[in-house]
Structure formats: structure tokens, C-alpha cells
Amino acid sequence: MRKFVPHHRKASDRPRRIPGVYVIVLGIDPGVANTGYGVVALDRGRLVALDGGVVETAAGLHAGARLARIHERVGDLLDGYHPDAVAVEDLYFGTNARSAFAVGQARGVVVLAAGQRGIRCASYTPQQVKAAVCGSGRAEKDQVQRMVQTLLALPDLPRPDHAADALAVAICHANGAPLAAAVSA
């Protein structure tokens, strides 16, 4: 008589699991005077901050020089971290059209730098970023900073504001990475 040996493989056994996702995202909060950047890695569901800061340009420089500086620094970040994606915050259209136009130019050189390297860009509205990080699209700036600190396990609040916003944009994109990987597979 043959002994029955049950099949011990379960749905959660290693071969059937969705593979771990490792993604690096460069988040950008565009601006001519201050372009915030944040580099976040997602490793098997855990978010880690790799870098964050601000590209500052002097008000006395002409627009072309300011945009060239942003393009150069973003290019350095792309070459240094080799992100899988760049996430850029969409323009916020307030009452100042001139300011919105300048932010659009800064945003354009970021997208250009990514495009030159064949890196995909995604755009998120401020409300989408706040909802992804805080659960509400109406969250205040300080609430976003505290949630970024918590999600990335940072010892201090991320500063300045532009860097915190850029990290939030990167988190927003990274949180969708496992779903995107599963859908593309």
C-alpha cells in the first residue's frame, strides 16, 4: 500500500509569492529659487530615505543660468542614484501666473534631465501627494512633514519644506510601485 504524502505547498510558499519590489524614486518639488529633491527607496514594503535637500539658485542670475543649475544638479542626482522613476509635483495654480510659469520652466528641465536618461516621470497634484502620505488631500504642511518623518523613520523633521515636500512626492510614487510591478507582470 502506498503511503499518502500530502502536498505541503501553500499559496504563501516562496515560489508563488509576488516578488519583492526594490524601487528607487527621485521626488521633486519644482521651483526656480528652490527645487526640493528627495530620494526614497522601497525595499520589500519598507521605505528608506537615501537623500534630500534643495537646489537653490540666486535671484540675481538670469533665468537660463538658474534653469541650467537645476538641470545640472538633477542630472547629478539621476546619475548618482539611478532611480527607477522620477516623481514631480504638479503646478499649483495660485493667483500669480508669472510664478506658475517659472515653476513650469523648472519642472520642464527636471523632466528633460530624466528624459535624456530614459527615466520615466510621473506627476502628482499636491492633493494626491497629501492623500498618499497623510490620508487626506487637505492636510497641512506640518502634518505632511510629520508623516514623512514617521514613514521614513527619520530622527528629525525633514527640512527645509521643499525637501520635505519632495520626499512626500517620492513616497507617493513609491507606494504605488508594488501594484505597478504586479500589473506589469
N, C-alpha and C. Protein backbone atom coordinates (compact mmCIF):
# COMPACT_ATOMS: atom_id res chain seq x y z
N MET A 1 0.84 -1.17 0.00
CA MET A 1 0.00 0.00 0.00
C MET A 1 0.89 1.25 0.00
N ARG A 2 0.54 2.18 -0.84
CA ARG A 2 1.32 3.42 -0.96
C ARG A 2 0.90 4.40 0.12
N LYS A 3 1.89 4.98 0.79
CA LYS A 3 1.62 5.93 1.86
C LYS A 3 1.27 7.29 1.24
N PHE A 4 0.20 7.90 1.75
CA PHE A 4 -0.22 9.21 1.25
C PHE A 4 0.66 10.29 1.86
N VAL A 5 1.27 11.08 1.01
CA VAL A 5 2.09 12.21 1.45
C VAL A 5 1.39 13.48 0.95
N PRO A 6 0.88 14.26 1.88
CA PRO A 6 0.16 15.47 1.44
C PRO A 6 1.10 16.46 0.78
N HIS A 7 0.56 17.19 -0.14
CA HIS A 7 1.32 18.25 -0.81
C HIS A 7 1.40 19.43 0.14
N HIS A 8 2.61 19.76 0.56
CA HIS A 8 2.78 20.79 1.58
C HIS A 8 2.88 22.21 1.04
N ARG A 9 2.76 22.36 -0.21
CA ARG A 9 2.89 23.69 -0.79
C ARG A 9 1.63 24.51 -0.54
N LYS A 10 1.84 25.68 -0.02
CA LYS A 10 0.72 26.58 0.27
C LYS A 10 0.81 27.78 -0.66
N ALA A 11 -0.27 28.51 -0.72
CA ALA A 11 -0.29 29.70 -1.57
C ALA A 11 0.78 30.71 -1.15
N SER A 12 1.17 30.68 0.13
CA SER A 12 2.15 31.64 0.61
C SER A 12 3.59 31.13 0.51
N ASP A 13 3.79 29.92 -0.02
CA ASP A 13 5.16 29.42 -0.20
C ASP A 13 5.92 30.35 -1.14
N ARG A 14 7.21 30.40 -0.98
CA ARG A 14 8.08 31.32 -1.71
C ARG A 14 7.82 31.37 -3.22
N PRO A 15 7.75 30.24 -3.97
CA PRO A 15 7.60 30.34 -5.42
C PRO A 15 6.34 31.04 -5.90
N ARG A 16 5.31 31.08 -5.08
CA ARG A 16 4.06 31.68 -5.52
C ARG A 16 3.88 33.11 -5.06
N ARG A 17 4.76 33.59 -4.22
CA ARG A 17 4.63 34.95 -3.71
C ARG A 17 4.94 35.97 -4.79
N ILE A 18 4.35 37.12 -4.65
CA ILE A 18 4.71 38.23 -5.52
C ILE A 18 6.13 38.61 -5.15
N PRO A 19 7.02 38.72 -6.13
CA PRO A 19 8.41 39.01 -5.79
C PRO A 19 8.55 40.36 -5.08
N GLY A 20 9.55 40.43 -4.20
CA GLY A 20 9.82 41.69 -3.50
C GLY A 20 10.13 42.79 -4.49
N VAL A 21 9.70 43.97 -4.19
CA VAL A 21 9.91 45.10 -5.09
C VAL A 21 10.98 46.00 -4.47
N TYR A 22 12.00 46.29 -5.25
CA TYR A 22 13.01 47.26 -4.83
C TYR A 22 12.98 48.38 -5.86
N VAL A 23 12.61 49.56 -5.40
CA VAL A 23 12.44 50.69 -6.30
C VAL A 23 13.11 51.91 -5.67
N ILE A 24 13.79 52.69 -6.50
CA ILE A 24 14.33 53.97 -6.07
C ILE A 24 13.58 55.06 -6.84
N VAL A 25 13.09 56.05 -6.09
CA VAL A 25 12.32 57.14 -6.69
C VAL A 25 12.96 58.47 -6.31
N LEU A 26 13.14 59.33 -7.30
CA LEU A 26 13.57 60.70 -7.07
C LEU A 26 12.32 61.57 -7.09
N GLY A 27 12.00 62.17 -5.96
CA GLY A 27 10.85 63.07 -5.87
C GLY A 27 11.32 64.51 -6.02
N ILE A 28 10.55 65.31 -6.72
CA ILE A 28 10.91 66.71 -6.99
C ILE A 28 9.75 67.63 -6.66
N ASP A 29 10.07 68.69 -5.91
CA ASP A 29 9.14 69.80 -5.67
C ASP A 29 9.73 70.98 -6.43
N PRO A 30 9.26 71.23 -7.66
CA PRO A 30 9.93 72.19 -8.53
C PRO A 30 9.74 73.65 -8.12
N GLY A 31 10.75 74.44 -8.41
CA GLY A 31 10.73 75.88 -8.19
C GLY A 31 12.01 76.46 -8.75
N VAL A 32 11.98 77.71 -9.16
CA VAL A 32 13.19 78.32 -9.72
C VAL A 32 14.16 78.70 -8.62
N ALA A 33 13.69 79.32 -7.56
CA ALA A 33 14.57 79.71 -6.46
C ALA A 33 14.97 78.50 -5.63
N ASN A 34 14.03 77.60 -5.39
CA ASN A 34 14.27 76.42 -4.56
C ASN A 34 13.57 75.21 -5.18
N THR A 35 14.35 74.26 -5.64
CA THR A 35 13.80 73.00 -6.13
C THR A 35 14.13 71.94 -5.09
N GLY A 36 13.10 71.42 -4.44
CA GLY A 36 13.31 70.39 -3.44
C GLY A 36 13.48 69.04 -4.12
N TYR A 37 14.36 68.21 -3.54
CA TYR A 37 14.53 66.85 -4.04
C TYR A 37 14.57 65.88 -2.86
N GLY A 38 14.09 64.68 -3.12
CA GLY A 38 14.12 63.62 -2.13
C GLY A 38 14.27 62.29 -2.83
N VAL A 39 15.19 61.47 -2.36
CA VAL A 39 15.41 60.16 -2.94
C VAL A 39 14.96 59.12 -1.92
N VAL A 40 14.03 58.27 -2.34
CA VAL A 40 13.46 57.27 -1.45
C VAL A 40 13.58 55.90 -2.11
N ALA A 41 13.93 54.90 -1.29
CA ALA A 41 13.96 53.52 -1.77
C ALA A 41 12.84 52.75 -1.09
N LEU A 42 12.20 51.89 -1.85
CA LEU A 42 11.20 50.97 -1.32
C LEU A 42 11.80 49.58 -1.44
N ASP A 43 11.99 48.93 -0.30
CA ASP A 43 12.58 47.60 -0.28
C ASP A 43 11.66 46.67 0.50
N ARG A 44 10.94 45.79 -0.24
CA ARG A 44 10.01 44.83 0.36
C ARG A 44 9.05 45.49 1.35
N GLY A 45 8.48 46.61 0.92
CA GLY A 45 7.46 47.28 1.71
C GLY A 45 7.99 48.29 2.72
N ARG A 46 9.29 48.43 2.84
CA ARG A 46 9.88 49.37 3.79
C ARG A 46 10.45 50.57 3.04
N LEU A 47 10.05 51.77 3.45
CA LEU A 47 10.54 52.99 2.83
C LEU A 47 11.78 53.49 3.56
N VAL A 48 12.77 53.92 2.78
CA VAL A 48 14.02 54.42 3.34
C VAL A 48 14.41 55.69 2.59
N ALA A 49 14.78 56.73 3.33
CA ALA A 49 15.26 57.96 2.70
C ALA A 49 16.74 57.79 2.39
N LEU A 50 17.11 58.06 1.14
CA LEU A 50 18.51 57.99 0.74
C LEU A 50 19.15 59.37 0.69
N ASP A 51 18.36 60.39 0.38
CA ASP A 51 18.90 61.74 0.24
C ASP A 51 17.74 62.73 0.21
N GLY A 52 18.04 63.96 0.50
CA GLY A 52 17.03 65.00 0.42
C GLY A 52 17.68 66.36 0.60
N GLY A 53 17.15 67.35 -0.07
CA GLY A 53 17.70 68.69 0.04
C GLY A 53 17.04 69.63 -0.93
N VAL A 54 17.73 70.73 -1.18
CA VAL A 54 17.19 71.78 -2.04
C VAL A 54 18.27 72.26 -2.99
N VAL A 55 17.90 72.45 -4.25
CA VAL A 55 18.76 73.11 -5.22
C VAL A 55 18.36 74.58 -5.18
N GLU A 56 19.25 75.43 -4.71
CA GLU A 56 18.96 76.86 -4.62
C GLU A 56 19.65 77.59 -5.76
N THR A 57 18.93 78.57 -6.30
CA THR A 57 19.52 79.43 -7.32
C THR A 57 19.36 80.88 -6.89
N ALA A 58 20.36 81.66 -7.18
CA ALA A 58 20.37 83.06 -6.75
C ALA A 58 19.43 83.90 -7.62
N ALA A 59 18.72 84.80 -6.97
CA ALA A 59 17.76 85.66 -7.66
C ALA A 59 18.43 86.56 -8.69
N GLY A 60 19.70 86.90 -8.50
CA GLY A 60 20.39 87.80 -9.42
C GLY A 60 20.79 87.15 -10.74
N LEU A 61 20.75 85.83 -10.81
CA LEU A 61 21.11 85.14 -12.06
C LEU A 61 19.98 85.25 -13.08
N HIS A 62 20.34 85.24 -14.36
CA HIS A 62 19.30 85.25 -15.38
C HIS A 62 18.63 83.87 -15.43
N ALA A 63 17.44 83.83 -15.96
CA ALA A 63 16.62 82.61 -15.94
C ALA A 63 17.33 81.41 -16.53
N GLY A 64 18.05 81.59 -17.63
CA GLY A 64 18.74 80.47 -18.26
C GLY A 64 19.78 79.84 -17.34
N ALA A 65 20.52 80.68 -16.62
CA ALA A 65 21.55 80.16 -15.70
C ALA A 65 20.90 79.43 -14.53
N ARG A 66 19.79 79.94 -14.06
CA ARG A 66 19.10 79.28 -12.94
C ARG A 66 18.58 77.91 -13.36
N LEU A 67 17.97 77.86 -14.54
CA LEU A 67 17.44 76.59 -15.03
C LEU A 67 18.57 75.60 -15.34
N ALA A 68 19.68 76.09 -15.84
CA ALA A 68 20.84 75.23 -16.11
C ALA A 68 21.36 74.62 -14.82
N ARG A 69 21.39 75.40 -13.75
CA ARG A 69 21.84 74.88 -12.45
C ARG A 69 20.92 73.78 -11.95
N ILE A 70 19.62 73.96 -12.07
CA ILE A 70 18.65 72.94 -11.66
C ILE A 70 18.84 71.68 -12.48
N HIS A 71 18.96 71.85 -13.80
CA HIS A 71 19.15 70.71 -14.71
C HIS A 71 20.42 69.95 -14.36
N GLU A 72 21.49 70.66 -14.09
CA GLU A 72 22.77 70.03 -13.77
C GLU A 72 22.68 69.23 -12.46
N ARG A 73 22.11 69.83 -11.43
CA ARG A 73 22.03 69.16 -10.12
C ARG A 73 21.10 67.96 -10.18
N VAL A 74 19.97 68.07 -10.86
CA VAL A 74 19.05 66.94 -11.00
C VAL A 74 19.73 65.84 -11.80
N GLY A 75 20.49 66.21 -12.83
CA GLY A 75 21.25 65.23 -13.60
C GLY A 75 22.25 64.49 -12.72
N ASP A 76 22.92 65.21 -11.83
CA ASP A 76 23.86 64.57 -10.89
C ASP A 76 23.13 63.55 -10.00
N LEU A 77 21.94 63.92 -9.51
CA LEU A 77 21.17 63.01 -8.68
C LEU A 77 20.74 61.77 -9.46
N LEU A 78 20.32 61.97 -10.70
CA LEU A 78 19.90 60.85 -11.54
C LEU A 78 21.08 59.92 -11.83
N ASP A 79 22.23 60.50 -12.11
CA ASP A 79 23.42 59.69 -12.39
C ASP A 79 23.95 58.99 -11.15
N GLY A 80 23.78 59.62 -10.00
CA GLY A 80 24.29 59.05 -8.76
C GLY A 80 23.42 57.96 -8.17
N TYR A 81 22.11 58.12 -8.24
CA TYR A 81 21.20 57.16 -7.61
C TYR A 81 20.55 56.18 -8.59
N HIS A 82 20.57 56.48 -9.87
CA HIS A 82 19.95 55.63 -10.89
C HIS A 82 18.52 55.23 -10.50
N PRO A 83 17.65 56.23 -10.27
CA PRO A 83 16.28 55.90 -9.86
C PRO A 83 15.51 55.18 -10.96
N ASP A 84 14.52 54.43 -10.51
CA ASP A 84 13.63 53.75 -11.45
C ASP A 84 12.60 54.70 -12.02
N ALA A 85 12.32 55.78 -11.28
CA ALA A 85 11.32 56.75 -11.71
C ALA A 85 11.60 58.10 -11.06
N VAL A 86 11.09 59.14 -11.70
CA VAL A 86 11.12 60.49 -11.14
C VAL A 86 9.66 60.89 -10.95
N ALA A 87 9.36 61.37 -9.75
CA ALA A 87 8.01 61.83 -9.44
C ALA A 87 8.07 63.33 -9.20
N VAL A 88 7.27 64.07 -9.93
CA VAL A 88 7.30 65.54 -9.86
C VAL A 88 5.94 66.05 -9.42
N GLU A 89 5.96 67.01 -8.50
CA GLU A 89 4.70 67.61 -8.08
C GLU A 89 4.19 68.52 -9.19
N ASP A 90 2.89 68.41 -9.47
CA ASP A 90 2.26 69.27 -10.48
C ASP A 90 2.24 70.71 -10.00
N LEU A 91 2.05 71.59 -10.96
CA LEU A 91 1.97 73.01 -10.65
C LEU A 91 0.75 73.31 -9.82
N TYR A 92 0.92 74.20 -8.88
CA TYR A 92 -0.19 74.71 -8.10
C TYR A 92 -0.51 76.09 -8.69
N PHE A 93 -1.69 76.21 -9.28
CA PHE A 93 -2.05 77.48 -9.91
C PHE A 93 -2.72 78.38 -8.90
N GLY A 94 -1.95 79.29 -8.35
CA GLY A 94 -2.48 80.28 -7.43
C GLY A 94 -2.88 81.51 -8.21
N THR A 95 -2.74 82.64 -7.59
CA THR A 95 -3.13 83.88 -8.25
C THR A 95 -2.00 84.48 -9.07
N ASN A 96 -0.77 83.99 -8.88
CA ASN A 96 0.38 84.57 -9.56
C ASN A 96 0.78 83.75 -10.78
N ALA A 97 0.34 84.16 -11.96
CA ALA A 97 0.63 83.44 -13.20
C ALA A 97 2.11 83.47 -13.53
N ARG A 98 2.79 84.56 -13.22
CA ARG A 98 4.23 84.66 -13.50
C ARG A 98 5.01 83.61 -12.71
N SER A 99 4.65 83.45 -11.46
CA SER A 99 5.29 82.45 -10.61
C SER A 99 5.01 81.03 -11.13
N ALA A 100 3.78 80.77 -11.54
CA ALA A 100 3.41 79.46 -12.08
C ALA A 100 4.20 79.16 -13.35
N PHE A 101 4.41 80.16 -14.18
CA PHE A 101 5.18 79.98 -15.41
C PHE A 101 6.62 79.60 -15.08
N ALA A 102 7.22 80.27 -14.11
CA ALA A 102 8.59 79.99 -13.72
C ALA A 102 8.72 78.58 -13.14
N VAL A 103 7.76 78.18 -12.32
CA VAL A 103 7.77 76.82 -11.76
C VAL A 103 7.64 75.80 -12.89
N GLY A 104 6.83 76.11 -13.88
CA GLY A 104 6.68 75.22 -15.04
C GLY A 104 7.99 75.05 -15.79
N GLN A 105 8.78 76.12 -15.88
CA GLN A 105 10.08 76.01 -16.53
C GLN A 105 11.01 75.10 -15.73
N ALA A 106 11.03 75.25 -14.41
CA ALA A 106 11.87 74.40 -13.55
C ALA A 106 11.42 72.95 -13.67
N ARG A 107 10.14 72.75 -13.69
CA ARG A 107 9.59 71.40 -13.86
C ARG A 107 10.03 70.81 -15.19
N GLY A 108 10.03 71.64 -16.22
CA GLY A 108 10.43 71.19 -17.55
C GLY A 108 11.87 70.71 -17.61
N VAL A 109 12.79 71.41 -16.94
CA VAL A 109 14.19 70.97 -17.01
C VAL A 109 14.39 69.69 -16.21
N VAL A 110 13.58 69.45 -15.19
CA VAL A 110 13.64 68.19 -14.45
C VAL A 110 13.18 67.04 -15.35
N VAL A 111 12.06 67.24 -16.03
CA VAL A 111 11.54 66.22 -16.94
C VAL A 111 12.53 65.98 -18.08
N LEU A 112 13.17 67.05 -18.57
CA LEU A 112 14.18 66.92 -19.61
C LEU A 112 15.36 66.07 -19.14
N ALA A 113 15.86 66.34 -17.94
CA ALA A 113 17.01 65.58 -17.41
C ALA A 113 16.66 64.10 -17.31
N ALA A 114 15.45 63.78 -16.85
CA ALA A 114 15.02 62.39 -16.75
C ALA A 114 14.86 61.78 -18.14
N GLY A 115 14.25 62.51 -19.05
CA GLY A 115 14.05 62.02 -20.41
C GLY A 115 15.35 61.74 -21.13
N GLN A 116 16.35 62.56 -20.89
CA GLN A 116 17.65 62.34 -21.51
C GLN A 116 18.29 61.02 -21.06
N ARG A 117 17.88 60.55 -19.89
CA ARG A 117 18.43 59.31 -19.35
C ARG A 117 17.46 58.13 -19.49
N GLY A 118 16.34 58.37 -20.14
CA GLY A 118 15.36 57.31 -20.36
C GLY A 118 14.61 56.90 -19.10
N ILE A 119 14.49 57.81 -18.15
CA ILE A 119 13.81 57.51 -16.89
C ILE A 119 12.40 58.08 -16.95
N ARG A 120 11.43 57.24 -16.60
CA ARG A 120 10.03 57.66 -16.64
C ARG A 120 9.74 58.70 -15.56
N CYS A 121 8.85 59.63 -15.91
CA CYS A 121 8.40 60.66 -14.96
C CYS A 121 6.91 60.48 -14.70
N ALA A 122 6.54 60.73 -13.47
CA ALA A 122 5.13 60.71 -13.09
C ALA A 122 4.83 62.04 -12.41
N SER A 123 3.60 62.50 -12.57
CA SER A 123 3.18 63.77 -11.96
C SER A 123 2.06 63.52 -10.97
N TYR A 124 2.13 64.27 -9.87
CA TYR A 124 1.10 64.15 -8.84
C TYR A 124 0.70 65.55 -8.40
N THR A 125 -0.58 65.73 -8.20
CA THR A 125 -1.07 67.01 -7.68
C THR A 125 -0.72 67.09 -6.19
N PRO A 126 -0.67 68.29 -5.65
CA PRO A 126 -0.43 68.41 -4.21
C PRO A 126 -1.46 67.62 -3.39
N GLN A 127 -2.71 67.58 -3.84
CA GLN A 127 -3.75 66.85 -3.12
C GLN A 127 -3.49 65.34 -3.16
N GLN A 128 -3.02 64.82 -4.29
CA GLN A 128 -2.70 63.39 -4.38
C GLN A 128 -1.55 63.03 -3.43
N VAL A 129 -0.55 63.90 -3.37
CA VAL A 129 0.60 63.65 -2.51
C VAL A 129 0.16 63.65 -1.05
N LYS A 130 -0.60 64.66 -0.66
CA LYS A 130 -1.07 64.74 0.73
C LYS A 130 -1.93 63.54 1.08
N ALA A 131 -2.80 63.12 0.17
CA ALA A 131 -3.65 61.96 0.44
C ALA A 131 -2.82 60.69 0.58
N ALA A 132 -1.80 60.54 -0.24
CA ALA A 132 -0.96 59.34 -0.19
C ALA A 132 -0.14 59.28 1.09
N VAL A 133 0.30 60.43 1.58
CA VAL A 133 1.17 60.47 2.75
C VAL A 133 0.37 60.58 4.05
N CYS A 134 -0.69 61.38 4.04
CA CYS A 134 -1.42 61.68 5.27
C CYS A 134 -2.82 61.07 5.33
N GLY A 135 -3.32 60.61 4.19
CA GLY A 135 -4.69 60.09 4.17
C GLY A 135 -5.73 61.13 3.86
N SER A 136 -5.30 62.39 3.73
CA SER A 136 -6.23 63.47 3.40
C SER A 136 -5.56 64.44 2.46
N GLY A 137 -6.24 64.79 1.39
CA GLY A 137 -5.73 65.75 0.43
C GLY A 137 -5.73 67.18 0.94
N ARG A 138 -6.29 67.39 2.13
CA ARG A 138 -6.35 68.72 2.73
C ARG A 138 -5.39 68.88 3.91
N ALA A 139 -4.45 67.97 4.04
CA ALA A 139 -3.50 68.01 5.16
C ALA A 139 -2.67 69.29 5.11
N GLU A 140 -2.29 69.77 6.29
CA GLU A 140 -1.44 70.96 6.40
C GLU A 140 0.02 70.57 6.21
N LYS A 141 0.85 71.58 5.90
CA LYS A 141 2.27 71.34 5.65
C LYS A 141 2.96 70.64 6.81
N ASP A 142 2.68 71.07 8.04
CA ASP A 142 3.35 70.47 9.19
C ASP A 142 2.93 69.02 9.39
N GLN A 143 1.69 68.70 9.03
CA GLN A 143 1.23 67.32 9.12
C GLN A 143 1.95 66.45 8.09
N VAL A 144 2.17 66.98 6.89
CA VAL A 144 2.91 66.26 5.86
C VAL A 144 4.34 65.99 6.35
N GLN A 145 4.97 67.01 6.93
CA GLN A 145 6.34 66.84 7.44
C GLN A 145 6.40 65.74 8.50
N ARG A 146 5.46 65.75 9.42
CA ARG A 146 5.46 64.74 10.49
C ARG A 146 5.24 63.34 9.94
N MET A 147 4.37 63.21 8.95
CA MET A 147 4.12 61.89 8.36
C MET A 147 5.33 61.41 7.55
N VAL A 148 5.98 62.32 6.85
CA VAL A 148 7.21 61.95 6.12
C VAL A 148 8.25 61.46 7.12
N GLN A 149 8.40 62.18 8.22
CA GLN A 149 9.34 61.77 9.26
C GLN A 149 9.00 60.37 9.77
N THR A 150 7.73 60.12 10.03
CA THR A 150 7.30 58.82 10.55
C THR A 150 7.49 57.71 9.52
N LEU A 151 7.02 57.94 8.29
CA LEU A 151 7.10 56.90 7.25
C LEU A 151 8.53 56.52 6.90
N LEU A 152 9.45 57.49 7.00
CA LEU A 152 10.85 57.22 6.66
C LEU A 152 11.71 56.97 7.89
N ALA A 153 11.08 56.97 9.07
CA ALA A 153 11.79 56.74 10.34
C ALA A 153 12.97 57.69 10.50
N LEU A 154 12.72 58.97 10.22
CA LEU A 154 13.77 59.98 10.35
C LEU A 154 13.83 60.46 11.80
N PRO A 155 15.03 60.74 12.31
CA PRO A 155 15.14 61.19 13.69
C PRO A 155 14.56 62.60 13.90
N ASP A 156 14.59 63.44 12.87
CA ASP A 156 14.10 64.81 12.95
C ASP A 156 13.14 65.08 11.80
N LEU A 157 12.37 66.15 11.94
CA LEU A 157 11.50 66.58 10.83
C LEU A 157 12.37 66.91 9.63
N PRO A 158 11.94 66.48 8.43
CA PRO A 158 12.72 66.84 7.24
C PRO A 158 12.62 68.33 6.98
N ARG A 159 13.74 68.96 6.74
CA ARG A 159 13.80 70.39 6.47
C ARG A 159 14.78 70.64 5.33
N PRO A 160 14.63 71.69 4.61
CA PRO A 160 13.55 72.68 4.62
C PRO A 160 12.27 72.10 4.01
N ASP A 161 11.23 72.93 3.98
CA ASP A 161 9.91 72.50 3.50
C ASP A 161 9.96 71.88 2.11
N HIS A 162 10.76 72.46 1.22
CA HIS A 162 10.82 71.96 -0.16
C HIS A 162 11.38 70.54 -0.20
N ALA A 163 12.34 70.23 0.65
CA ALA A 163 12.90 68.87 0.72
C ALA A 163 11.84 67.91 1.27
N ALA A 164 11.11 68.34 2.30
CA ALA A 164 10.05 67.50 2.86
C ALA A 164 8.97 67.22 1.82
N ASP A 165 8.60 68.24 1.06
CA ASP A 165 7.60 68.06 0.01
C ASP A 165 8.09 67.09 -1.06
N ALA A 166 9.36 67.18 -1.43
CA ALA A 166 9.93 66.29 -2.44
C ALA A 166 9.96 64.85 -1.94
N LEU A 167 10.30 64.65 -0.67
CA LEU A 167 10.27 63.31 -0.09
C LEU A 167 8.84 62.76 -0.10
N ALA A 168 7.86 63.63 0.17
CA ALA A 168 6.46 63.21 0.14
C ALA A 168 6.04 62.79 -1.27
N VAL A 169 6.51 63.50 -2.29
CA VAL A 169 6.20 63.14 -3.68
C VAL A 169 6.81 61.78 -4.00
N ALA A 170 8.04 61.54 -3.55
CA ALA A 170 8.70 60.25 -3.79
C ALA A 170 7.94 59.13 -3.08
N ILE A 171 7.50 59.37 -1.86
CA ILE A 171 6.73 58.37 -1.11
C ILE A 171 5.43 58.06 -1.84
N CYS A 172 4.78 59.09 -2.33
CA CYS A 172 3.52 58.93 -3.07
C CYS A 172 3.73 57.97 -4.24
N HIS A 173 4.80 58.17 -4.99
CA HIS A 173 5.06 57.31 -6.14
C HIS A 173 5.48 55.91 -5.69
N ALA A 174 6.37 55.83 -4.72
CA ALA A 174 6.88 54.53 -4.27
C ALA A 174 5.77 53.64 -3.72
N ASN A 175 4.79 54.24 -3.07
CA ASN A 175 3.70 53.43 -2.52
C ASN A 175 2.89 52.75 -3.60
N GLY A 176 2.91 53.26 -4.81
CA GLY A 176 2.21 52.60 -5.92
C GLY A 176 3.07 51.61 -6.66
N ALA A 177 4.35 51.50 -6.31
CA ALA A 177 5.28 50.63 -7.05
C ALA A 177 4.91 49.14 -7.00
N PRO A 178 4.54 48.57 -5.84
CA PRO A 178 4.19 47.15 -5.84
C PRO A 178 3.00 46.83 -6.75
N LEU A 179 2.01 47.70 -6.74
CA LEU A 179 0.86 47.48 -7.62
C LEU A 179 1.29 47.57 -9.08
N ALA A 180 2.10 48.57 -9.40
CA ALA A 180 2.57 48.72 -10.79
C ALA A 180 3.37 47.49 -11.22
N ALA A 181 4.21 46.96 -10.33
CA ALA A 181 5.03 45.78 -10.66
C ALA A 181 4.13 44.55 -10.88
N ALA A 182 3.12 44.41 -10.03
CA ALA A 182 2.21 43.27 -10.16
C ALA A 182 1.40 43.35 -11.45
N VAL A 183 0.96 44.55 -11.80
CA VAL A 183 0.17 44.74 -13.01
C VAL A 183 1.02 44.50 -14.25
N SER A 184 2.26 44.96 -14.26
CA SER A 184 3.11 44.77 -15.43
C SER A 184 3.57 43.32 -15.59
N ALA A 185 3.60 42.58 -14.48
CA ALA A 185 3.97 41.15 -14.54
C ALA A 185 2.78 40.37 -15.05
